[in-house]
Amino acid sequence: MEVKIEDVIIKKRIRKNLGDIQPLMDSMSRFGQLNSIVLNSKMQLIAGNRRLEAASRLGWKYINAIIVDVHNKADLLEMEIEENVQRKDFTADEISDAYKKLSRLRSRSIFSKIFD
């Protein structure tokens, strides 16, 4: 569901430094919002602070959100932790292979446009 960004309540967060938001902003400008933020029914942010900040800086008024019925402080904190910990970055080899494949696909696409 879409919610107004200004209605989202951000309480004390574990992550203190959002890091460089510009690459995420660039991605969201290009592809839109790929993953929803997570809120409880009181509109308190559980997960997605970087996405929310990027959307706000882009001037978006609305953002996609998943609403969960969790109000227990321990459960809220655990969900915030899990959302940030239960990820696995690509290995260096996986990233290298992915960009090689992307380069081949883009080259084919350009070649196809020229000769079609």
PDB file of N, CA and C in Angstrom:
ATOM      1  N   MET A   1       0.835  -1.181   0.000  1.00  0.00           N
ATOM      2  CA  MET A   1       0.000   0.000   0.000  1.00  0.00           C
ATOM      3  C   MET A   1       0.876   1.240   0.000  1.00  0.00           C
ATOM      4  N   GLU A   2       0.364   2.301  -0.549  1.00  0.00           N
ATOM      5  CA  GLU A   2       1.096   3.559  -0.531  1.00  0.00           C
ATOM      6  C   GLU A   2       0.728   4.372   0.702  1.00  0.00           C
ATOM      7  N   VAL A   3       1.744   4.992   1.298  1.00  0.00           N
ATOM      8  CA  VAL A   3       1.520   5.861   2.446  1.00  0.00           C
ATOM      9  C   VAL A   3       2.219   7.191   2.186  1.00  0.00           C
ATOM     10  N   LYS A   4       1.727   8.235   2.832  1.00  0.00           N
ATOM     11  CA  LYS A   4       2.382   9.537   2.726  1.00  0.00           C
ATOM     12  C   LYS A   4       3.691   9.495   3.512  1.00  0.00           C
ATOM     13  N   ILE A   5       4.748   9.930   2.879  1.00  0.00           N
ATOM     14  CA  ILE A   5       6.051   9.950   3.538  1.00  0.00           C
ATOM     15  C   ILE A   5       6.000  10.794   4.805  1.00  0.00           C
ATOM     16  N   GLU A   6       5.289  11.907   4.757  1.00  0.00           N
ATOM     17  CA  GLU A   6       5.222  12.794   5.921  1.00  0.00           C
ATOM     18  C   GLU A   6       4.490  12.163   7.099  1.00  0.00           C
ATOM     19  N   ASP A   7       3.720  11.098   6.860  1.00  0.00           N
ATOM     20  CA  ASP A   7       2.984  10.433   7.938  1.00  0.00           C
ATOM     21  C   ASP A   7       3.807   9.370   8.664  1.00  0.00           C
ATOM     22  N   VAL A   8       4.968   9.013   8.100  1.00  0.00           N
ATOM     23  CA  VAL A   8       5.803   7.969   8.707  1.00  0.00           C
ATOM     24  C   VAL A   8       6.518   8.540   9.924  1.00  0.00           C
ATOM     25  N   ILE A   9       6.444   7.799  11.021  1.00  0.00           N
ATOM     26  CA  ILE A   9       7.071   8.207  12.282  1.00  0.00           C
ATOM     27  C   ILE A   9       8.373   7.429  12.443  1.00  0.00           C
ATOM     28  N   ILE A  10       9.450   8.163  12.597  1.00  0.00           N
ATOM     29  CA  ILE A  10      10.756   7.531  12.787  1.00  0.00           C
ATOM     30  C   ILE A  10      11.176   7.736  14.232  1.00  0.00           C
ATOM     31  N   LYS A  11      11.198   6.644  14.958  1.00  0.00           N
ATOM     32  CA  LYS A  11      11.656   6.703  16.351  1.00  0.00           C
ATOM     33  C   LYS A  11      13.138   6.366  16.383  1.00  0.00           C
ATOM     34  N   LYS A  12      13.694   6.204  17.561  1.00  0.00           N
ATOM     35  CA  LYS A  12      15.107   5.890  17.729  1.00  0.00           C
ATOM     36  C   LYS A  12      15.450   4.630  16.935  1.00  0.00           C
ATOM     37  N   ARG A  13      16.512   4.700  16.139  1.00  0.00           N
ATOM     38  CA  ARG A  13      16.922   3.609  15.264  1.00  0.00           C
ATOM     39  C   ARG A  13      18.266   3.043  15.711  1.00  0.00           C
ATOM     40  N   ILE A  14      18.510   1.792  15.347  1.00  0.00           N
ATOM     41  CA  ILE A  14      19.803   1.176  15.623  1.00  0.00           C
ATOM     42  C   ILE A  14      20.864   1.792  14.717  1.00  0.00           C
ATOM     43  N   ARG A  15      20.557   1.869  13.406  1.00  0.00           N
ATOM     44  CA  ARG A  15      21.517   2.443  12.458  1.00  0.00           C
ATOM     45  C   ARG A  15      21.606   3.953  12.704  1.00  0.00           C
ATOM     46  N   LYS A  16      22.804   4.409  13.015  1.00  0.00           N
ATOM     47  CA  LYS A  16      23.018   5.830  13.291  1.00  0.00           C
ATOM     48  C   LYS A  16      23.437   6.590  12.030  1.00  0.00           C
ATOM     49  N   ASN A  17      24.102   5.900  11.118  1.00  0.00           N
ATOM     50  CA  ASN A  17      24.633   6.537   9.927  1.00  0.00           C
ATOM     51  C   ASN A  17      23.996   5.888   8.702  1.00  0.00           C
ATOM     52  N   LEU A  18      23.214   6.654   7.960  1.00  0.00           N
ATOM     53  CA  LEU A  18      22.546   6.121   6.771  1.00  0.00           C
ATOM     54  C   LEU A  18      23.510   5.917   5.611  1.00  0.00           C
ATOM     55  N   GLY A  19      24.714   6.441   5.720  1.00  0.00           N
ATOM     56  CA  GLY A  19      25.689   6.283   4.646  1.00  0.00           C
ATOM     57  C   GLY A  19      25.332   7.168   3.458  1.00  0.00           C
ATOM     58  N   ASP A  20      25.966   6.876   2.340  1.00  0.00           N
ATOM     59  CA  ASP A  20      25.753   7.642   1.121  1.00  0.00           C
ATOM     60  C   ASP A  20      24.425   7.214   0.491  1.00  0.00           C
ATOM     61  N   ILE A  21      23.457   8.092   0.496  1.00  0.00           N
ATOM     62  CA  ILE A  21      22.119   7.801  -0.023  1.00  0.00           C
ATOM     63  C   ILE A  21      22.046   7.991  -1.542  1.00  0.00           C
ATOM     64  N   GLN A  22      23.006   8.709  -2.127  1.00  0.00           N
ATOM     65  CA  GLN A  22      22.928   9.042  -3.553  1.00  0.00           C
ATOM     66  C   GLN A  22      22.803   7.818  -4.466  1.00  0.00           C
ATOM     67  N   PRO A  23      23.584   6.740  -4.270  1.00  0.00           N
ATOM     68  CA  PRO A  23      23.404   5.580  -5.149  1.00  0.00           C
ATOM     69  C   PRO A  23      21.998   4.977  -5.051  1.00  0.00           C
ATOM     70  N   LEU A  24      21.429   4.960  -3.871  1.00  0.00           N
ATOM     71  CA  LEU A  24      20.069   4.462  -3.708  1.00  0.00           C
ATOM     72  C   LEU A  24      19.081   5.402  -4.388  1.00  0.00           C
ATOM     73  N   MET A  25      19.300   6.690  -4.277  1.00  0.00           N
ATOM     74  CA  MET A  25      18.445   7.662  -4.961  1.00  0.00           C
ATOM     75  C   MET A  25      18.514   7.455  -6.473  1.00  0.00           C
ATOM     76  N   ASP A  26      19.719   7.238  -6.979  1.00  0.00           N
ATOM     77  CA  ASP A  26      19.890   7.008  -8.415  1.00  0.00           C
ATOM     78  C   ASP A  26      19.122   5.759  -8.855  1.00  0.00           C
ATOM     79  N   SER A  27      19.230   4.704  -8.061  1.00  0.00           N
ATOM     80  CA  SER A  27      18.523   3.456  -8.360  1.00  0.00           C
ATOM     81  C   SER A  27      17.014   3.661  -8.328  1.00  0.00           C
ATOM     82  N   MET A  28      16.532   4.348  -7.308  1.00  0.00           N
ATOM     83  CA  MET A  28      15.092   4.572  -7.189  1.00  0.00           C
ATOM     84  C   MET A  28      14.577   5.490  -8.292  1.00  0.00           C
ATOM     85  N   SER A  29      15.398   6.440  -8.727  1.00  0.00           N
ATOM     86  CA  SER A  29      15.008   7.300  -9.847  1.00  0.00           C
ATOM     87  C   SER A  29      14.872   6.481 -11.120  1.00  0.00           C
ATOM     88  N   ARG A  30      15.767   5.559 -11.280  1.00  0.00           N
ATOM     89  CA  ARG A  30      15.800   4.754 -12.515  1.00  0.00           C
ATOM     90  C   ARG A  30      14.763   3.635 -12.523  1.00  0.00           C
ATOM     91  N   PHE A  31      14.661   2.904 -11.421  1.00  0.00           N
ATOM     92  CA  PHE A  31      13.847   1.694 -11.383  1.00  0.00           C
ATOM     93  C   PHE A  31      12.615   1.785 -10.499  1.00  0.00           C
ATOM     94  N   GLY A  32      12.476   2.881  -9.744  1.00  0.00           N
ATOM     95  CA  GLY A  32      11.388   2.976  -8.787  1.00  0.00           C
ATOM     96  C   GLY A  32      11.765   2.284  -7.488  1.00  0.00           C
ATOM     97  N   GLN A  33      10.809   2.113  -6.644  1.00  0.00           N
ATOM     98  CA  GLN A  33      11.037   1.484  -5.346  1.00  0.00           C
ATOM     99  C   GLN A  33      10.915  -0.022  -5.505  1.00  0.00           C
ATOM    100  N   LEU A  34      12.011  -0.736  -5.337  1.00  0.00           N
ATOM    101  CA  LEU A  34      12.024  -2.186  -5.535  1.00  0.00           C
ATOM    102  C   LEU A  34      11.560  -2.950  -4.302  1.00  0.00           C
ATOM    103  N   ASN A  35      11.756  -2.362  -3.127  1.00  0.00           N
ATOM    104  CA  ASN A  35      11.369  -3.018  -1.880  1.00  0.00           C
ATOM    105  C   ASN A  35      10.600  -2.040  -1.005  1.00  0.00           C
ATOM    106  N   SER A  36       9.515  -2.520  -0.448  1.00  0.00           N
ATOM    107  CA  SER A  36       8.678  -1.688   0.418  1.00  0.00           C
ATOM    108  C   SER A  36       9.360  -1.428   1.753  1.00  0.00           C
ATOM    109  N   ILE A  37       9.008  -0.309   2.358  1.00  0.00           N
ATOM    110  CA  ILE A  37       9.399  -0.088   3.745  1.00  0.00           C
ATOM    111  C   ILE A  37       8.405  -0.871   4.609  1.00  0.00           C
ATOM    112  N   VAL A  38       8.727  -1.045   5.868  1.00  0.00           N
ATOM    113  CA  VAL A  38       7.848  -1.785   6.785  1.00  0.00           C
ATOM    114  C   VAL A  38       7.470  -0.860   7.935  1.00  0.00           C
ATOM    115  N   LEU A  39       6.171  -0.772   8.184  1.00  0.00           N
ATOM    116  CA  LEU A  39       5.626   0.057   9.256  1.00  0.00           C
ATOM    117  C   LEU A  39       4.720  -0.783  10.127  1.00  0.00           C
ATOM    118  N   ASN A  40       4.480  -0.315  11.356  1.00  0.00           N
ATOM    119  CA  ASN A  40       3.397  -0.924  12.133  1.00  0.00           C
ATOM    120  C   ASN A  40       2.142  -0.084  11.900  1.00  0.00           C
ATOM    121  N   SER A  41       1.045  -0.510  12.471  1.00  0.00           N
ATOM    122  CA  SER A  41      -0.231   0.174  12.207  1.00  0.00           C
ATOM    123  C   SER A  41      -0.283   1.594  12.797  1.00  0.00           C
ATOM    124  N   LYS A  42       0.693   1.938  13.631  1.00  0.00           N
ATOM    125  CA  LYS A  42       0.794   3.301  14.153  1.00  0.00           C
ATOM    126  C   LYS A  42       1.666   4.182  13.254  1.00  0.00           C
ATOM    127  N   MET A  43       2.036   3.634  12.083  1.00  0.00           N
ATOM    128  CA  MET A  43       2.863   4.331  11.088  1.00  0.00           C
ATOM    129  C   MET A  43       4.304   4.532  11.557  1.00  0.00           C
ATOM    130  N   GLN A  44       4.743   3.708  12.515  1.00  0.00           N
ATOM    131  CA  GLN A  44       6.120   3.781  12.989  1.00  0.00           C
ATOM    132  C   GLN A  44       6.997   2.913  12.086  1.00  0.00           C
ATOM    133  N   LEU A  45       8.119   3.471  11.665  1.00  0.00           N
ATOM    134  CA  LEU A  45       9.037   2.765  10.785  1.00  0.00           C
ATOM    135  C   LEU A  45       9.698   1.596  11.506  1.00  0.00           C
ATOM    136  N   ILE A  46       9.637   0.445  10.876  1.00  0.00           N
ATOM    137  CA  ILE A  46      10.330  -0.733  11.383  1.00  0.00           C
ATOM    138  C   ILE A  46      11.566  -1.000  10.532  1.00  0.00           C
ATOM    139  N   ALA A  47      11.411  -0.920   9.210  1.00  0.00           N
ATOM    140  CA  ALA A  47      12.517  -1.203   8.301  1.00  0.00           C
ATOM    141  C   ALA A  47      12.387  -0.329   7.060  1.00  0.00           C
ATOM    142  N   GLY A  48      13.543   0.123   6.560  1.00  0.00           N
ATOM    143  CA  GLY A  48      13.540   0.876   5.315  1.00  0.00           C
ATOM    144  C   GLY A  48      13.869   2.348   5.455  1.00  0.00           C
ATOM    145  N   ASN A  49      14.626   2.700   6.471  1.00  0.00           N
ATOM    146  CA  ASN A  49      14.937   4.108   6.700  1.00  0.00           C
ATOM    147  C   ASN A  49      15.716   4.719   5.538  1.00  0.00           C
ATOM    148  N   ARG A  50      16.653   3.971   4.959  1.00  0.00           N
ATOM    149  CA  ARG A  50      17.424   4.496   3.821  1.00  0.00           C
ATOM    150  C   ARG A  50      16.516   4.710   2.608  1.00  0.00           C
ATOM    151  N   ARG A  51      15.620   3.757   2.350  1.00  0.00           N
ATOM    152  CA  ARG A  51      14.670   3.909   1.240  1.00  0.00           C
ATOM    153  C   ARG A  51      13.769   5.120   1.466  1.00  0.00           C
ATOM    154  N   LEU A  52      13.308   5.278   2.701  1.00  0.00           N
ATOM    155  CA  LEU A  52      12.448   6.404   3.045  1.00  0.00           C
ATOM    156  C   LEU A  52      13.189   7.722   2.842  1.00  0.00           C
ATOM    157  N   GLU A  53      14.419   7.788   3.289  1.00  0.00           N
ATOM    158  CA  GLU A  53      15.223   9.009   3.132  1.00  0.00           C
ATOM    159  C   GLU A  53      15.475   9.301   1.660  1.00  0.00           C
ATOM    160  N   ALA A  54      15.801   8.293   0.894  1.00  0.00           N
ATOM    161  CA  ALA A  54      16.040   8.487  -0.540  1.00  0.00           C
ATOM    162  C   ALA A  54      14.783   9.014  -1.225  1.00  0.00           C
ATOM    163  N   ALA A  55      13.651   8.414  -0.935  1.00  0.00           N
ATOM    164  CA  ALA A  55      12.386   8.846  -1.534  1.00  0.00           C
ATOM    165  C   ALA A  55      12.081  10.291  -1.156  1.00  0.00           C
ATOM    166  N   SER A  56      12.301  10.630   0.087  1.00  0.00           N
ATOM    167  CA  SER A  56      12.058  11.992   0.561  1.00  0.00           C
ATOM    168  C   SER A  56      12.952  12.995  -0.170  1.00  0.00           C
ATOM    169  N   ARG A  57      14.235  12.670  -0.307  1.00  0.00           N
ATOM    170  CA  ARG A  57      15.168  13.563  -1.003  1.00  0.00           C
ATOM    171  C   ARG A  57      14.816  13.696  -2.483  1.00  0.00           C
ATOM    172  N   LEU A  58      14.208  12.653  -3.046  1.00  0.00           N
ATOM    173  CA  LEU A  58      13.788  12.704  -4.446  1.00  0.00           C
ATOM    174  C   LEU A  58      12.513  13.525  -4.631  1.00  0.00           C
ATOM    175  N   GLY A  59      11.921  13.931  -3.508  1.00  0.00           N
ATOM    176  CA  GLY A  59      10.709  14.738  -3.586  1.00  0.00           C
ATOM    177  C   GLY A  59       9.430  13.926  -3.700  1.00  0.00           C
ATOM    178  N   TRP A  60       9.533  12.607  -3.470  1.00  0.00           N
ATOM    179  CA  TRP A  60       8.347  11.770  -3.521  1.00  0.00           C
ATOM    180  C   TRP A  60       7.433  12.140  -2.356  1.00  0.00           C
ATOM    181  N   LYS A  61       6.161  12.108  -2.565  1.00  0.00           N
ATOM    182  CA  LYS A  61       5.178  12.372  -1.513  1.00  0.00           C
ATOM    183  C   LYS A  61       4.680  11.070  -0.892  1.00  0.00           C
ATOM    184  N   TYR A  62       4.737   9.966  -1.664  1.00  0.00           N
ATOM    185  CA  TYR A  62       4.234   8.662  -1.225  1.00  0.00           C
ATOM    186  C   TYR A  62       5.313   7.608  -1.400  1.00  0.00           C
ATOM    187  N   ILE A  63       5.191   6.546  -0.608  1.00  0.00           N
ATOM    188  CA  ILE A  63       6.121   5.427  -0.686  1.00  0.00           C
ATOM    189  C   ILE A  63       5.342   4.139  -0.418  1.00  0.00           C
ATOM    190  N   ASN A  64       5.765   3.056  -1.049  1.00  0.00           N
ATOM    191  CA  ASN A  64       5.119   1.758  -0.819  1.00  0.00           C
ATOM    192  C   ASN A  64       5.550   1.212   0.535  1.00  0.00           C
ATOM    193  N   ALA A  65       4.575   0.687   1.256  1.00  0.00           N
ATOM    194  CA  ALA A  65       4.851   0.163   2.595  1.00  0.00           C
ATOM    195  C   ALA A  65       4.065  -1.114   2.844  1.00  0.00           C
ATOM    196  N   ILE A  66       4.641  -1.939   3.665  1.00  0.00           N
ATOM    197  CA  ILE A  66       3.956  -3.111   4.212  1.00  0.00           C
ATOM    198  C   ILE A  66       3.633  -2.762   5.653  1.00  0.00           C
ATOM    199  N   ILE A  67       2.395  -2.993   6.046  1.00  0.00           N
ATOM    200  CA  ILE A  67       1.982  -2.709   7.421  1.00  0.00           C
ATOM    201  C   ILE A  67       1.885  -4.032   8.178  1.00  0.00           C
ATOM    202  N   VAL A  68       2.558  -4.109   9.308  1.00  0.00           N
ATOM    203  CA  VAL A  68       2.494  -5.305  10.151  1.00  0.00           C
ATOM    204  C   VAL A  68       1.909  -4.915  11.505  1.00  0.00           C
ATOM    205  N   ASP A  69       1.248  -5.836  12.136  1.00  0.00           N
ATOM    206  CA  ASP A  69       0.591  -5.567  13.409  1.00  0.00           C
ATOM    207  C   ASP A  69       1.521  -5.958  14.559  1.00  0.00           C
ATOM    208  N   VAL A  70       2.531  -5.128  14.780  1.00  0.00           N
ATOM    209  CA  VAL A  70       3.512  -5.382  15.832  1.00  0.00           C
ATOM    210  C   VAL A  70       3.679  -4.093  16.626  1.00  0.00           C
ATOM    211  N   HIS A  71       3.527  -4.183  17.931  1.00  0.00           N
ATOM    212  CA  HIS A  71       3.686  -2.997  18.775  1.00  0.00           C
ATOM    213  C   HIS A  71       4.619  -3.253  19.961  1.00  0.00           C
ATOM    214  N   ASN A  72       4.889  -4.511  20.231  1.00  0.00           N
ATOM    215  CA  ASN A  72       5.797  -4.864  21.308  1.00  0.00           C
ATOM    216  C   ASN A  72       7.193  -4.350  20.965  1.00  0.00           C
ATOM    217  N   LYS A  73       7.797  -3.571  21.849  1.00  0.00           N
ATOM    218  CA  LYS A  73       9.083  -2.941  21.569  1.00  0.00           C
ATOM    219  C   LYS A  73      10.170  -3.962  21.239  1.00  0.00           C
ATOM    220  N   ALA A  74      10.165  -5.082  21.929  1.00  0.00           N
ATOM    221  CA  ALA A  74      11.172  -6.110  21.654  1.00  0.00           C
ATOM    222  C   ALA A  74      10.993  -6.680  20.247  1.00  0.00           C
ATOM    223  N   ASP A  75       9.756  -6.938  19.836  1.00  0.00           N
ATOM    224  CA  ASP A  75       9.494  -7.457  18.487  1.00  0.00           C
ATOM    225  C   ASP A  75       9.857  -6.424  17.420  1.00  0.00           C
ATOM    226  N   LEU A  76       9.549  -5.155  17.683  1.00  0.00           N
ATOM    227  CA  LEU A  76       9.908  -4.098  16.735  1.00  0.00           C
ATOM    228  C   LEU A  76      11.420  -4.033  16.539  1.00  0.00           C
ATOM    229  N   LEU A  77      12.154  -4.076  17.641  1.00  0.00           N
ATOM    230  CA  LEU A  77      13.604  -4.031  17.569  1.00  0.00           C
ATOM    231  C   LEU A  77      14.145  -5.263  16.854  1.00  0.00           C
ATOM    232  N   GLU A  78      13.589  -6.424  17.176  1.00  0.00           N
ATOM    233  CA  GLU A  78      14.051  -7.655  16.533  1.00  0.00           C
ATOM    234  C   GLU A  78      13.811  -7.614  15.019  1.00  0.00           C
ATOM    235  N   MET A  79      12.680  -7.069  14.596  1.00  0.00           N
ATOM    236  CA  MET A  79      12.396  -6.964  13.166  1.00  0.00           C
ATOM    237  C   MET A  79      13.384  -6.006  12.493  1.00  0.00           C
ATOM    238  N   GLU A  80      13.697  -4.901  13.146  1.00  0.00           N
ATOM    239  CA  GLU A  80      14.682  -3.971  12.590  1.00  0.00           C
ATOM    240  C   GLU A  80      16.036  -4.660  12.442  1.00  0.00           C
ATOM    241  N   ILE A  81      16.428  -5.394  13.459  1.00  0.00           N
ATOM    242  CA  ILE A  81      17.704  -6.114  13.412  1.00  0.00           C
ATOM    243  C   ILE A  81      17.686  -7.140  12.278  1.00  0.00           C
ATOM    244  N   GLU A  82      16.648  -7.961  12.234  1.00  0.00           N
ATOM    245  CA  GLU A  82      16.559  -9.021  11.227  1.00  0.00           C
ATOM    246  C   GLU A  82      16.588  -8.470   9.810  1.00  0.00           C
ATOM    247  N   GLU A  83      15.877  -7.376   9.575  1.00  0.00           N
ATOM    248  CA  GLU A  83      15.811  -6.807   8.233  1.00  0.00           C
ATOM    249  C   GLU A  83      17.190  -6.360   7.764  1.00  0.00           C
ATOM    250  N   ASN A  84      18.035  -5.982   8.674  1.00  0.00           N
ATOM    251  CA  ASN A  84      19.369  -5.524   8.301  1.00  0.00           C
ATOM    252  C   ASN A  84      20.430  -6.610   8.371  1.00  0.00           C
ATOM    253  N   VAL A  85      20.205  -7.628   9.151  1.00  0.00           N
ATOM    254  CA  VAL A  85      21.206  -8.681   9.312  1.00  0.00           C
ATOM    255  C   VAL A  85      20.995  -9.829   8.324  1.00  0.00           C
ATOM    256  N   GLN A  86      19.754 -10.159   8.043  1.00  0.00           N
ATOM    257  CA  GLN A  86      19.462 -11.337   7.218  1.00  0.00           C
ATOM    258  C   GLN A  86      19.548 -11.025   5.725  1.00  0.00           C
ATOM    259  N   ARG A  87      20.648 -10.457   5.349  1.00  0.00           N
ATOM    260  CA  ARG A  87      20.949 -10.177   3.953  1.00  0.00           C
ATOM    261  C   ARG A  87      22.297 -10.799   3.659  1.00  0.00           C
ATOM    262  N   LYS A  88      22.508 -11.073   2.418  1.00  0.00           N
ATOM    263  CA  LYS A  88      23.816 -11.575   2.032  1.00  0.00           C
ATOM    264  C   LYS A  88      24.246 -10.827   0.785  1.00  0.00           C
ATOM    265  N   ASP A  89      25.334 -10.102   0.905  1.00  0.00           N
ATOM    266  CA  ASP A  89      25.866  -9.390  -0.243  1.00  0.00           C
ATOM    267  C   ASP A  89      26.425 -10.388  -1.247  1.00  0.00           C
ATOM    268  N   PHE A  90      26.482  -9.976  -2.517  1.00  0.00           N
ATOM    269  CA  PHE A  90      27.141 -10.787  -3.526  1.00  0.00           C
ATOM    270  C   PHE A  90      28.621 -10.907  -3.175  1.00  0.00           C
ATOM    271  N   THR A  91      29.216 -12.043  -3.535  1.00  0.00           N
ATOM    272  CA  THR A  91      30.667 -12.162  -3.426  1.00  0.00           C
ATOM    273  C   THR A  91      31.285 -11.343  -4.553  1.00  0.00           C
ATOM    274  N   ALA A  92      32.582 -11.113  -4.480  1.00  0.00           N
ATOM    275  CA  ALA A  92      33.272 -10.367  -5.536  1.00  0.00           C
ATOM    276  C   ALA A  92      33.129 -11.084  -6.878  1.00  0.00           C
ATOM    277  N   ASP A  93      33.238 -12.416  -6.871  1.00  0.00           N
ATOM    278  CA  ASP A  93      33.082 -13.194  -8.109  1.00  0.00           C
ATOM    279  C   ASP A  93      31.671 -13.080  -8.671  1.00  0.00           C
ATOM    280  N   GLU A  94      30.652 -13.120  -7.796  1.00  0.00           N
ATOM    281  CA  GLU A  94      29.264 -13.007  -8.249  1.00  0.00           C
ATOM    282  C   GLU A  94      29.002 -11.644  -8.891  1.00  0.00           C
ATOM    283  N   ILE A  95      29.505 -10.598  -8.269  1.00  0.00           N
ATOM    284  CA  ILE A  95      29.328  -9.250  -8.824  1.00  0.00           C
ATOM    285  C   ILE A  95      30.038  -9.142 -10.168  1.00  0.00           C
ATOM    286  N   SER A  96      31.250  -9.647 -10.247  1.00  0.00           N
ATOM    287  CA  SER A  96      32.008  -9.613 -11.491  1.00  0.00           C
ATOM    288  C   SER A  96      31.252 -10.341 -12.597  1.00  0.00           C
ATOM    289  N   ASP A  97      30.771 -11.546 -12.314  1.00  0.00           N
ATOM    290  CA  ASP A  97      30.012 -12.319 -13.300  1.00  0.00           C
ATOM    291  C   ASP A  97      28.736 -11.594 -13.717  1.00  0.00           C
ATOM    292  N   ALA A  98      28.054 -10.978 -12.762  1.00  0.00           N
ATOM    293  CA  ALA A  98      26.802 -10.272 -13.060  1.00  0.00           C
ATOM    294  C   ALA A  98      27.053  -9.102 -14.003  1.00  0.00           C
ATOM    295  N   TYR A  99      28.104  -8.326 -13.755  1.00  0.00           N
ATOM    296  CA  TYR A  99      28.391  -7.184 -14.624  1.00  0.00           C
ATOM    297  C   TYR A  99      28.871  -7.624 -16.005  1.00  0.00           C
ATOM    298  N   LYS A 100      29.582  -8.737 -16.069  1.00  0.00           N
ATOM    299  CA  LYS A 100      29.982  -9.264 -17.385  1.00  0.00           C
ATOM    300  C   LYS A 100      28.737  -9.655 -18.185  1.00  0.00           C
ATOM    301  N   LYS A 101      27.819 -10.338 -17.534  1.00  0.00           N
ATOM    302  CA  LYS A 101      26.589 -10.749 -18.200  1.00  0.00           C
ATOM    303  C   LYS A 101      25.780  -9.524 -18.624  1.00  0.00           C
ATOM    304  N   LEU A 102      25.674  -8.528 -17.748  1.00  0.00           N
ATOM    305  CA  LEU A 102      24.948  -7.305 -18.073  1.00  0.00           C
ATOM    306  C   LEU A 102      25.584  -6.610 -19.278  1.00  0.00           C
ATOM    307  N   SER A 103      26.903  -6.556 -19.315  1.00  0.00           N
ATOM    308  CA  SER A 103      27.607  -5.933 -20.431  1.00  0.00           C
ATOM    309  C   SER A 103      27.293  -6.665 -21.738  1.00  0.00           C
ATOM    310  N   ARG A 104      27.304  -8.003 -21.708  1.00  0.00           N
ATOM    311  CA  ARG A 104      26.967  -8.785 -22.912  1.00  0.00           C
ATOM    312  C   ARG A 104      25.538  -8.514 -23.352  1.00  0.00           C
ATOM    313  N   LEU A 105      24.609  -8.484 -22.400  1.00  0.00           N
ATOM    314  CA  LEU A 105      23.207  -8.233 -22.739  1.00  0.00           C
ATOM    315  C   LEU A 105      23.016  -6.849 -23.328  1.00  0.00           C
ATOM    316  N   ARG A 106      23.661  -5.856 -22.747  1.00  0.00           N
ATOM    317  CA  ARG A 106      23.548  -4.493 -23.266  1.00  0.00           C
ATOM    318  C   ARG A 106      24.161  -4.391 -24.667  1.00  0.00           C
ATOM    319  N   SER A 107      25.283  -5.058 -24.881  1.00  0.00           N
ATOM    320  CA  SER A 107      25.918  -5.052 -26.202  1.00  0.00           C
ATOM    321  C   SER A 107      24.995  -5.680 -27.242  1.00  0.00           C
ATOM    322  N   ARG A 108      24.373  -6.786 -26.899  1.00  0.00           N
ATOM    323  CA  ARG A 108      23.424  -7.438 -27.813  1.00  0.00           C
ATOM    324  C   ARG A 108      22.252  -6.518 -28.114  1.00  0.00           C
ATOM    325  N   SER A 109      21.777  -5.831 -27.089  1.00  0.00           N
ATOM    326  CA  SER A 109      20.639  -4.936 -27.253  1.00  0.00           C
ATOM    327  C   SER A 109      20.988  -3.791 -28.201  1.00  0.00           C
ATOM    328  N   ILE A 110      22.166  -3.224 -28.046  1.00  0.00           N
ATOM    329  CA  ILE A 110      22.605  -2.134 -28.925  1.00  0.00           C
ATOM    330  C   ILE A 110      22.774  -2.657 -30.343  1.00  0.00           C
ATOM    331  N   PHE A 111      23.390  -3.832 -30.481  1.00  0.00           N
ATOM    332  CA  PHE A 111      23.600  -4.447 -31.788  1.00  0.00           C
ATOM    333  C   PHE A 111      22.258  -4.719 -32.461  1.00  0.00           C
ATOM    334  N   SER A 112      21.319  -5.204 -31.698  1.00  0.00           N
ATOM    335  CA  SER A 112      19.970  -5.494 -32.225  1.00  0.00           C
ATOM    336  C   SER A 112      19.279  -4.239 -32.711  1.00  0.00           C
ATOM    337  N   LYS A 113      19.417  -3.132 -31.984  1.00  0.00           N
ATOM    338  CA  LYS A 113      18.785  -1.883 -32.369  1.00  0.00           C
ATOM    339  C   LYS A 113      19.389  -1.332 -33.668  1.00  0.00           C
ATOM    340  N   ILE A 114      20.681  -1.528 -33.832  1.00  0.00           N
ATOM    341  CA  ILE A 114      21.356  -1.011 -35.023  1.00  0.00           C
ATOM    342  C   ILE A 114      20.940  -1.784 -36.274  1.00  0.00           C
ATOM    343  N   PHE A 115      20.804  -3.102 -36.146  1.00  0.00           N
ATOM    344  CA  PHE A 115      20.592  -3.932 -37.313  1.00  0.00           C
ATOM    345  C   PHE A 115      19.171  -4.448 -37.482  1.00  0.00           C
ATOM    346  N   ASP A 116      18.250  -4.009 -36.674  1.00  0.00           N
ATOM    347  CA  ASP A 116      16.855  -4.420 -36.840  1.00  0.00           C
ATOM    348  C   ASP A 116      16.049  -3.403 -37.605  1.00  0.00           C
TER     349      ASP A 116
END
